[in-house]
């Protein structure tokens, strides 16, 4: 069993093999060493953080899209379109 660090639940662990570019692996090891935890724990935390970030980004996108479809103000619509375009295509 593995402790899920952010959700505070116990779940079955699944072994997963990944290959990291050398500079990234060094950063993970350095972070783990500075926090006095295993590289595996750091990787789990980073993956969970990344997944939450993607979910939040998706939620924000649909919130903006909903506001755009409900808006009747042309200025607000243009602003929302620009925000959605930045989210989709970057700056």
PDB file of N, CA and C in Angstrom:
ATOM      1  N   UNK A   1       0.833  -1.188   0.000  1.00  0.00           N
ATOM      2  CA  UNK A   1       0.000   0.000   0.000  1.00  0.00           C
ATOM      3  C   UNK A   1       0.876   1.249   0.000  1.00  0.00           C
ATOM      4  N   UNK A   2       0.392   2.273  -0.694  1.00  0.00           N
ATOM      5  CA  UNK A   2       1.116   3.528  -0.782  1.00  0.00           C
ATOM      6  C   UNK A   2       0.239   4.630  -0.220  1.00  0.00           C
ATOM      7  N   UNK A   3       0.848   5.525   0.545  1.00  0.00           N
ATOM      8  CA  UNK A   3       0.111   6.668   1.057  1.00  0.00           C
ATOM      9  C   UNK A   3       0.025   7.717  -0.022  1.00  0.00           C
ATOM     10  N   UNK A   4      -1.162   8.085  -0.398  1.00  0.00           N
ATOM     11  CA  UNK A   4      -1.380   9.131  -1.383  1.00  0.00           C
ATOM     12  C   UNK A   4      -1.212  10.465  -0.658  1.00  0.00           C
ATOM     13  N   UNK A   5      -0.160  11.175  -0.935  1.00  0.00           N
ATOM     14  CA  UNK A   5       0.278  12.317  -0.154  1.00  0.00           C
ATOM     15  C   UNK A   5      -0.687  13.488  -0.140  1.00  0.00           C
ATOM     16  N   UNK A   6      -1.410  13.707  -1.209  1.00  0.00           N
ATOM     17  CA  UNK A   6      -2.290  14.857  -1.261  1.00  0.00           C
ATOM     18  C   UNK A   6      -3.734  14.542  -0.909  1.00  0.00           C
ATOM     19  N   UNK A   7      -4.157  13.337  -1.175  1.00  0.00           N
ATOM     20  CA  UNK A   7      -5.559  13.010  -0.933  1.00  0.00           C
ATOM     21  C   UNK A   7      -5.763  12.276   0.384  1.00  0.00           C
ATOM     22  N   UNK A   8      -4.680  11.986   1.076  1.00  0.00           N
ATOM     23  CA  UNK A   8      -4.727  11.359   2.390  1.00  0.00           C
ATOM     24  C   UNK A   8      -5.556  10.075   2.390  1.00  0.00           C
ATOM     25  N   UNK A   9      -5.364   9.254   1.379  1.00  0.00           N
ATOM     26  CA  UNK A   9      -6.026   7.962   1.330  1.00  0.00           C
ATOM     27  C   UNK A   9      -4.987   6.890   1.051  1.00  0.00           C
ATOM     28  N   UNK A  10      -5.307   5.678   1.397  1.00  0.00           N
ATOM     29  CA  UNK A  10      -4.412   4.567   1.108  1.00  0.00           C
ATOM     30  C   UNK A  10      -4.943   3.845  -0.115  1.00  0.00           C
ATOM     31  N   UNK A  11      -4.062   3.630  -1.085  1.00  0.00           N
ATOM     32  CA  UNK A  11      -4.457   2.980  -2.324  1.00  0.00           C
ATOM     33  C   UNK A  11      -3.429   1.922  -2.685  1.00  0.00           C
ATOM     34  N   UNK A  12      -3.841   1.004  -3.535  1.00  0.00           N
ATOM     35  CA  UNK A  12      -2.934  -0.020  -4.014  1.00  0.00           C
ATOM     36  C   UNK A  12      -1.889   0.627  -4.920  1.00  0.00           C
ATOM     37  N   UNK A  13      -0.630   0.282  -4.705  1.00  0.00           N
ATOM     38  CA  UNK A  13       0.450   0.829  -5.517  1.00  0.00           C
ATOM     39  C   UNK A  13       0.607   0.013  -6.792  1.00  0.00           C
ATOM     40  N   UNK A  14       0.922   0.698  -7.861  1.00  0.00           N
ATOM     41  CA  UNK A  14       1.203   0.042  -9.130  1.00  0.00           C
ATOM     42  C   UNK A  14       2.602   0.470  -9.538  1.00  0.00           C
ATOM     43  N   UNK A  15       3.467  -0.490  -9.739  1.00  0.00           N
ATOM     44  CA  UNK A  15       4.836  -0.195 -10.126  1.00  0.00           C
ATOM     45  C   UNK A  15       4.855   0.296 -11.568  1.00  0.00           C
ATOM     46  N   UNK A  16       5.560   1.414 -11.764  1.00  0.00           N
ATOM     47  CA  UNK A  16       5.621   2.034 -13.080  1.00  0.00           C
ATOM     48  C   UNK A  16       7.074   2.401 -13.353  1.00  0.00           C
ATOM     49  N   UNK A  17       7.548   2.045 -14.505  1.00  0.00           N
ATOM     50  CA  UNK A  17       8.916   2.369 -14.880  1.00  0.00           C
ATOM     51  C   UNK A  17       8.899   3.547 -15.843  1.00  0.00           C
ATOM     52  N   UNK A  18       9.726   4.553 -15.550  1.00  0.00           N
ATOM     53  CA  UNK A  18       9.815   5.712 -16.440  1.00  0.00           C
ATOM     54  C   UNK A  18      11.281   6.025 -16.702  1.00  0.00           C
ATOM     55  N   UNK A  19      11.517   6.691 -17.797  1.00  0.00           N
ATOM     56  CA  UNK A  19      12.858   7.153 -18.125  1.00  0.00           C
ATOM     57  C   UNK A  19      12.830   8.668 -18.133  1.00  0.00           C
ATOM     58  N   UNK A  20      13.720   9.269 -17.349  1.00  0.00           N
ATOM     59  CA  UNK A  20      13.794  10.715 -17.268  1.00  0.00           C
ATOM     60  C   UNK A  20      15.057  11.211 -17.950  1.00  0.00           C
ATOM     61  N   UNK A  21      14.986  12.338 -18.611  1.00  0.00           N
ATOM     62  CA  UNK A  21      16.214  12.946 -19.120  1.00  0.00           C
ATOM     63  C   UNK A  21      17.146  13.240 -17.943  1.00  0.00           C
ATOM     64  N   UNK A  22      18.428  13.100 -18.152  1.00  0.00           N
ATOM     65  CA  UNK A  22      19.410  13.250 -17.089  1.00  0.00           C
ATOM     66  C   UNK A  22      19.257  14.541 -16.275  1.00  0.00           C
ATOM     67  N   UNK A  23      19.101  15.703 -16.918  1.00  0.00           N
ATOM     68  CA  UNK A  23      18.957  16.929 -16.118  1.00  0.00           C
ATOM     69  C   UNK A  23      17.729  16.912 -15.210  1.00  0.00           C
ATOM     70  N   UNK A  24      16.647  16.328 -15.698  1.00  0.00           N
ATOM     71  CA  UNK A  24      15.428  16.242 -14.900  1.00  0.00           C
ATOM     72  C   UNK A  24      15.616  15.276 -13.732  1.00  0.00           C
ATOM     73  N   UNK A  25      16.263  14.150 -13.987  1.00  0.00           N
ATOM     74  CA  UNK A  25      16.529  13.173 -12.917  1.00  0.00           C
ATOM     75  C   UNK A  25      17.394  13.800 -11.832  1.00  0.00           C
ATOM     76  N   UNK A  26      18.360  14.616 -12.227  1.00  0.00           N
ATOM     77  CA  UNK A  26      19.215  15.292 -11.241  1.00  0.00           C
ATOM     78  C   UNK A  26      18.408  16.261 -10.398  1.00  0.00           C
ATOM     79  N   UNK A  27      17.500  16.976 -11.039  1.00  0.00           N
ATOM     80  CA  UNK A  27      16.649  17.913 -10.291  1.00  0.00           C
ATOM     81  C   UNK A  27      15.764  17.175  -9.295  1.00  0.00           C
ATOM     82  N   UNK A  28      15.220  16.031  -9.704  1.00  0.00           N
ATOM     83  CA  UNK A  28      14.384  15.225  -8.809  1.00  0.00           C
ATOM     84  C   UNK A  28      15.213  14.756  -7.615  1.00  0.00           C
ATOM     85  N   UNK A  29      16.404  14.230  -7.872  1.00  0.00           N
ATOM     86  CA  UNK A  29      17.267  13.753  -6.779  1.00  0.00           C
ATOM     87  C   UNK A  29      17.652  14.881  -5.834  1.00  0.00           C
ATOM     88  N   UNK A  30      17.971  16.038  -6.394  1.00  0.00           N
ATOM     89  CA  UNK A  30      18.338  17.181  -5.561  1.00  0.00           C
ATOM     90  C   UNK A  30      17.177  17.609  -4.680  1.00  0.00           C
ATOM     91  N   UNK A  31      15.989  17.661  -5.254  1.00  0.00           N
ATOM     92  CA  UNK A  31      14.801  18.024  -4.490  1.00  0.00           C
ATOM     93  C   UNK A  31      14.523  16.996  -3.398  1.00  0.00           C
ATOM     94  N   UNK A  32      14.636  15.727  -3.746  1.00  0.00           N
ATOM     95  CA  UNK A  32      14.402  14.671  -2.762  1.00  0.00           C
ATOM     96  C   UNK A  32      15.404  14.761  -1.617  1.00  0.00           C
ATOM     97  N   UNK A  33      16.635  14.987  -1.954  1.00  0.00           N
ATOM     98  CA  UNK A  33      17.676  15.076  -0.932  1.00  0.00           C
ATOM     99  C   UNK A  33      17.444  16.274  -0.022  1.00  0.00           C
ATOM    100  N   UNK A  34      17.083  17.413  -0.610  1.00  0.00           N
ATOM    101  CA  UNK A  34      16.861  18.616   0.194  1.00  0.00           C
ATOM    102  C   UNK A  34      15.656  18.464   1.118  1.00  0.00           C
ATOM    103  N   UNK A  35      14.674  17.682   0.693  1.00  0.00           N
ATOM    104  CA  UNK A  35      13.479  17.464   1.527  1.00  0.00           C
ATOM    105  C   UNK A  35      13.571  16.211   2.375  1.00  0.00           C
ATOM    106  N   UNK A  36      14.689  15.477   2.195  1.00  0.00           N
ATOM    107  CA  UNK A  36      14.940  14.246   2.958  1.00  0.00           C
ATOM    108  C   UNK A  36      13.831  13.212   2.763  1.00  0.00           C
ATOM    109  N   UNK A  37      13.454  13.035   1.487  1.00  0.00           N
ATOM    110  CA  UNK A  37      12.485  12.008   1.113  1.00  0.00           C
ATOM    111  C   UNK A  37      13.037  11.268  -0.102  1.00  0.00           C
ATOM    112  N   UNK A  38      12.366  10.203  -0.499  1.00  0.00           N
ATOM    113  CA  UNK A  38      12.827   9.430  -1.655  1.00  0.00           C
ATOM    114  C   UNK A  38      12.480  10.125  -2.963  1.00  0.00           C
ATOM    115  N   UNK A  39      13.236   9.783  -3.995  1.00  0.00           N
ATOM    116  CA  UNK A  39      12.925  10.304  -5.331  1.00  0.00           C
ATOM    117  C   UNK A  39      11.535   9.858  -5.752  1.00  0.00           C
ATOM    118  N   UNK A  40      11.152   8.638  -5.389  1.00  0.00           N
ATOM    119  CA  UNK A  40       9.827   8.135  -5.722  1.00  0.00           C
ATOM    120  C   UNK A  40       8.737   9.021  -5.127  1.00  0.00           C
ATOM    121  N   UNK A  41       8.908   9.426  -3.871  1.00  0.00           N
ATOM    122  CA  UNK A  41       7.908  10.274  -3.221  1.00  0.00           C
ATOM    123  C   UNK A  41       7.813  11.610  -3.955  1.00  0.00           C
ATOM    124  N   UNK A  42       8.957  12.175  -4.335  1.00  0.00           N
ATOM    125  CA  UNK A  42       8.950  13.436  -5.072  1.00  0.00           C
ATOM    126  C   UNK A  42       8.219  13.269  -6.400  1.00  0.00           C
ATOM    127  N   UNK A  43       8.500  12.187  -7.122  1.00  0.00           N
ATOM    128  CA  UNK A  43       7.845  11.944  -8.412  1.00  0.00           C
ATOM    129  C   UNK A  43       6.336  11.811  -8.244  1.00  0.00           C
ATOM    130  N   UNK A  44       5.895  11.106  -7.215  1.00  0.00           N
ATOM    131  CA  UNK A  44       4.459  10.955  -6.963  1.00  0.00           C
ATOM    132  C   UNK A  44       3.834  12.320  -6.714  1.00  0.00           C
ATOM    133  N   UNK A  45       4.488  13.124  -5.879  1.00  0.00           N
ATOM    134  CA  UNK A  45       3.956  14.457  -5.578  1.00  0.00           C
ATOM    135  C   UNK A  45       3.914  15.329  -6.827  1.00  0.00           C
ATOM    136  N   UNK A  46       4.960  15.263  -7.640  1.00  0.00           N
ATOM    137  CA  UNK A  46       4.997  16.067  -8.859  1.00  0.00           C
ATOM    138  C   UNK A  46       3.915  15.647  -9.856  1.00  0.00           C
ATOM    139  N   UNK A  47       3.703  14.355  -9.981  1.00  0.00           N
ATOM    140  CA  UNK A  47       2.650  13.863 -10.883  1.00  0.00           C
ATOM    141  C   UNK A  47       1.284  14.287 -10.376  1.00  0.00           C
ATOM    142  N   UNK A  48       1.044  14.138  -9.079  1.00  0.00           N
ATOM    143  CA  UNK A  48      -0.251  14.545  -8.522  1.00  0.00           C
ATOM    144  C   UNK A  48      -0.473  16.041  -8.708  1.00  0.00           C
ATOM    145  N   UNK A  49       0.554  16.837  -8.472  1.00  0.00           N
ATOM    146  CA  UNK A  49       0.450  18.283  -8.644  1.00  0.00           C
ATOM    147  C   UNK A  49       0.164  18.624 -10.104  1.00  0.00           C
ATOM    148  N   UNK A  50       0.861  17.966 -11.018  1.00  0.00           N
ATOM    149  CA  UNK A  50       0.644  18.199 -12.440  1.00  0.00           C
ATOM    150  C   UNK A  50      -0.754  17.825 -12.883  1.00  0.00           C
ATOM    151  N   UNK A  51      -1.252  16.705 -12.390  1.00  0.00           N
ATOM    152  CA  UNK A  51      -2.606  16.280 -12.752  1.00  0.00           C
ATOM    153  C   UNK A  51      -3.653  17.253 -12.222  1.00  0.00           C
ATOM    154  N   UNK A  52      -3.482  17.703 -10.971  1.00  0.00           N
ATOM    155  CA  UNK A  52      -4.407  18.688 -10.414  1.00  0.00           C
ATOM    156  C   UNK A  52      -4.369  19.982 -11.217  1.00  0.00           C
ATOM    157  N   UNK A  53      -3.159  20.378 -11.622  1.00  0.00           N
ATOM    158  CA  UNK A  53      -3.007  21.592 -12.412  1.00  0.00           C
ATOM    159  C   UNK A  53      -3.750  21.479 -13.744  1.00  0.00           C
ATOM    160  N   UNK A  54      -3.625  20.332 -14.412  1.00  0.00           N
ATOM    161  CA  UNK A  54      -4.326  20.121 -15.685  1.00  0.00           C
ATOM    162  C   UNK A  54      -5.835  20.128 -15.489  1.00  0.00           C
ATOM    163  N   UNK A  55      -6.305  19.519 -14.391  1.00  0.00           N
ATOM    164  CA  UNK A  55      -7.739  19.505 -14.109  1.00  0.00           C
ATOM    165  C   UNK A  55      -8.247  20.914 -13.845  1.00  0.00           C
ATOM    166  N   UNK A  56      -7.471  21.713 -13.115  1.00  0.00           N
ATOM    167  CA  UNK A  56      -7.849  23.089 -12.830  1.00  0.00           C
ATOM    168  C   UNK A  56      -7.858  23.922 -14.117  1.00  0.00           C
ATOM    169  N   UNK A  57      -6.885  23.696 -14.977  1.00  0.00           N
ATOM    170  CA  UNK A  57      -6.830  24.396 -16.258  1.00  0.00           C
ATOM    171  C   UNK A  57      -8.062  24.067 -17.102  1.00  0.00           C
ATOM    172  N   UNK A  58      -8.453  22.811 -17.109  1.00  0.00           N
ATOM    173  CA  UNK A  58      -9.643  22.378 -17.859  1.00  0.00           C
ATOM    174  C   UNK A  58     -10.900  23.019 -17.271  1.00  0.00           C
ATOM    175  N   UNK A  59     -10.993  23.029 -15.943  1.00  0.00           N
ATOM    176  CA  UNK A  59     -12.148  23.634 -15.269  1.00  0.00           C
ATOM    177  C   UNK A  59     -12.231  25.115 -15.615  1.00  0.00           C
ATOM    178  N   UNK A  60     -11.087  25.792 -15.581  1.00  0.00           N
ATOM    179  CA  UNK A  60     -11.044  27.221 -15.893  1.00  0.00           C
ATOM    180  C   UNK A  60     -11.454  27.472 -17.349  1.00  0.00           C
ATOM    181  N   UNK A  61     -10.997  26.619 -18.265  1.00  0.00           N
ATOM    182  CA  UNK A  61     -11.358  26.755 -19.674  1.00  0.00           C
ATOM    183  C   UNK A  61     -12.875  26.673 -19.850  1.00  0.00           C
ATOM    184  N   UNK A  62     -13.501  25.657 -19.252  1.00  0.00           N
ATOM    185  CA  UNK A  62     -14.943  25.496 -19.407  1.00  0.00           C
ATOM    186  C   UNK A  62     -15.716  26.603 -18.696  1.00  0.00           C
ATOM    187  N   UNK A  63     -15.165  27.126 -17.611  1.00  0.00           N
ATOM    188  CA  UNK A  63     -15.794  28.260 -16.946  1.00  0.00           C
ATOM    189  C   UNK A  63     -15.795  29.477 -17.874  1.00  0.00           C
ATOM    190  N   UNK A  64     -14.648  29.752 -18.505  1.00  0.00           N
ATOM    191  CA  UNK A  64     -14.572  30.877 -19.443  1.00  0.00           C
ATOM    192  C   UNK A  64     -15.482  30.661 -20.648  1.00  0.00           C
ATOM    193  N   UNK A  65     -15.510  29.448 -21.183  1.00  0.00           N
ATOM    194  CA  UNK A  65     -16.369  29.138 -22.324  1.00  0.00           C
ATOM    195  C   UNK A  65     -17.833  29.337 -21.952  1.00  0.00           C
ATOM    196  N   UNK A  66     -18.206  28.940 -20.755  1.00  0.00           N
ATOM    197  CA  UNK A  66     -19.579  29.147 -20.294  1.00  0.00           C
ATOM    198  C   UNK A  66     -19.925  30.612 -20.156  1.00  0.00           C
ATOM    199  N   UNK A  67     -18.980  31.382 -19.615  1.00  0.00           N
ATOM    200  CA  UNK A  67     -19.190  32.823 -19.497  1.00  0.00           C
ATOM    201  C   UNK A  67     -19.316  33.463 -20.882  1.00  0.00           C
ATOM    202  N   UNK A  68     -18.507  32.992 -21.833  1.00  0.00           N
ATOM    203  CA  UNK A  68     -18.565  33.534 -23.193  1.00  0.00           C
ATOM    204  C   UNK A  68     -19.924  33.267 -23.823  1.00  0.00           C
ATOM    205  N   UNK A  69     -20.415  32.057 -23.681  1.00  0.00           N
ATOM    206  CA  UNK A  69     -21.701  31.728 -24.313  1.00  0.00           C
ATOM    207  C   UNK A  69     -22.875  32.451 -23.643  1.00  0.00           C
ATOM    208  N   UNK A  70     -22.712  32.814 -22.366  1.00  0.00           N
ATOM    209  CA  UNK A  70     -23.794  33.492 -21.657  1.00  0.00           C
ATOM    210  C   UNK A  70     -23.721  35.013 -21.788  1.00  0.00           C
ATOM    211  N   UNK A  71     -22.580  35.521 -22.206  1.00  0.00           N
ATOM    212  CA  UNK A  71     -22.379  36.968 -22.253  1.00  0.00           C
ATOM    213  C   UNK A  71     -23.101  37.601 -23.440  1.00  0.00           C
ATOM    214  N   UNK A  72     -23.618  38.795 -23.181  1.00  0.00           N
ATOM    215  CA  UNK A  72     -24.236  39.567 -24.258  1.00  0.00           C
ATOM    216  C   UNK A  72     -23.456  40.853 -24.523  1.00  0.00           C
ATOM    217  N   UNK A  73     -22.442  41.117 -23.725  1.00  0.00           N
ATOM    218  CA  UNK A  73     -21.613  42.309 -23.856  1.00  0.00           C
ATOM    219  C   UNK A  73     -20.457  42.034 -24.817  1.00  0.00           C
ATOM    220  N   UNK A  74     -20.408  42.785 -25.921  1.00  0.00           N
ATOM    221  CA  UNK A  74     -19.400  42.558 -26.965  1.00  0.00           C
ATOM    222  C   UNK A  74     -17.971  42.709 -26.434  1.00  0.00           C
ATOM    223  N   UNK A  75     -17.750  43.686 -25.561  1.00  0.00           N
ATOM    224  CA  UNK A  75     -16.406  43.907 -24.996  1.00  0.00           C
ATOM    225  C   UNK A  75     -15.988  42.714 -24.133  1.00  0.00           C
ATOM    226  N   UNK A  76     -16.902  42.258 -23.295  1.00  0.00           N
ATOM    227  CA  UNK A  76     -16.617  41.097 -22.447  1.00  0.00           C
ATOM    228  C   UNK A  76     -16.382  39.849 -23.297  1.00  0.00           C
ATOM    229  N   UNK A  77     -17.191  39.682 -24.345  1.00  0.00           N
ATOM    230  CA  UNK A  77     -17.025  38.528 -25.238  1.00  0.00           C
ATOM    231  C   UNK A  77     -15.634  38.523 -25.861  1.00  0.00           C
ATOM    232  N   UNK A  78     -15.184  39.689 -26.331  1.00  0.00           N
ATOM    233  CA  UNK A  78     -13.859  39.767 -26.944  1.00  0.00           C
ATOM    234  C   UNK A  78     -12.772  39.437 -25.924  1.00  0.00           C
ATOM    235  N   UNK A  79     -12.913  39.947 -24.722  1.00  0.00           N
ATOM    236  CA  UNK A  79     -11.952  39.680 -23.647  1.00  0.00           C
ATOM    237  C   UNK A  79     -11.896  38.182 -23.327  1.00  0.00           C
ATOM    238  N   UNK A  80     -13.062  37.559 -23.235  1.00  0.00           N
ATOM    239  CA  UNK A  80     -13.129  36.127 -22.946  1.00  0.00           C
ATOM    240  C   UNK A  80     -12.532  35.307 -24.092  1.00  0.00           C
ATOM    241  N   UNK A  81     -12.802  35.716 -25.332  1.00  0.00           N
ATOM    242  CA  UNK A  81     -12.219  35.029 -26.489  1.00  0.00           C
ATOM    243  C   UNK A  81     -10.701  35.095 -26.440  1.00  0.00           C
ATOM    244  N   UNK A  82     -10.163  36.252 -26.079  1.00  0.00           N
ATOM    245  CA  UNK A  82      -8.709  36.413 -25.991  1.00  0.00           C
ATOM    246  C   UNK A  82      -8.123  35.530 -24.888  1.00  0.00           C
ATOM    247  N   UNK A  83      -8.811  35.468 -23.747  1.00  0.00           N
ATOM    248  CA  UNK A  83      -8.344  34.597 -22.655  1.00  0.00           C
ATOM    249  C   UNK A  83      -8.353  33.134 -23.087  1.00  0.00           C
ATOM    250  N   UNK A  84      -9.412  32.716 -23.754  1.00  0.00           N
ATOM    251  CA  UNK A  84      -9.499  31.336 -24.232  1.00  0.00           C
ATOM    252  C   UNK A  84      -8.419  31.041 -25.276  1.00  0.00           C
ATOM    253  N   UNK A  85      -8.163  32.009 -26.142  1.00  0.00           N
ATOM    254  CA  UNK A  85      -7.117  31.820 -27.157  1.00  0.00           C
ATOM    255  C   UNK A  85      -5.751  31.682 -26.492  1.00  0.00           C
ATOM    256  N   UNK A  86      -5.474  32.502 -25.472  1.00  0.00           N
ATOM    257  CA  UNK A  86      -4.191  32.387 -24.753  1.00  0.00           C
ATOM    258  C   UNK A  86      -4.063  31.042 -24.068  1.00  0.00           C
ATOM    259  N   UNK A  87      -5.157  30.564 -23.485  1.00  0.00           N
ATOM    260  CA  UNK A  87      -5.131  29.257 -22.826  1.00  0.00           C
ATOM    261  C   UNK A  87      -4.870  28.147 -23.842  1.00  0.00           C
ATOM    262  N   UNK A  88      -5.444  28.282 -25.023  1.00  0.00           N
ATOM    263  CA  UNK A  88      -5.359  27.255 -26.042  1.00  0.00           C
ATOM    264  C   UNK A  88      -4.034  27.282 -26.804  1.00  0.00           C
ATOM    265  N   UNK A  89      -3.632  28.488 -27.198  1.00  0.00           N
ATOM    266  CA  UNK A  89      -2.472  28.618 -28.082  1.00  0.00           C
ATOM    267  C   UNK A  89      -1.260  29.248 -27.431  1.00  0.00           C
ATOM    268  N   UNK A  90      -1.385  29.711 -26.207  1.00  0.00           N
ATOM    269  CA  UNK A  90      -0.271  30.382 -25.538  1.00  0.00           C
ATOM    270  C   UNK A  90      -0.225  31.849 -25.909  1.00  0.00           C
ATOM    271  N   UNK A  91       0.714  32.545 -25.322  1.00  0.00           N
ATOM    272  CA  UNK A  91       0.857  33.996 -25.563  1.00  0.00           C
ATOM    273  C   UNK A  91       1.331  34.273 -26.952  1.00  0.00           C
TER     274      UNK A  91
END
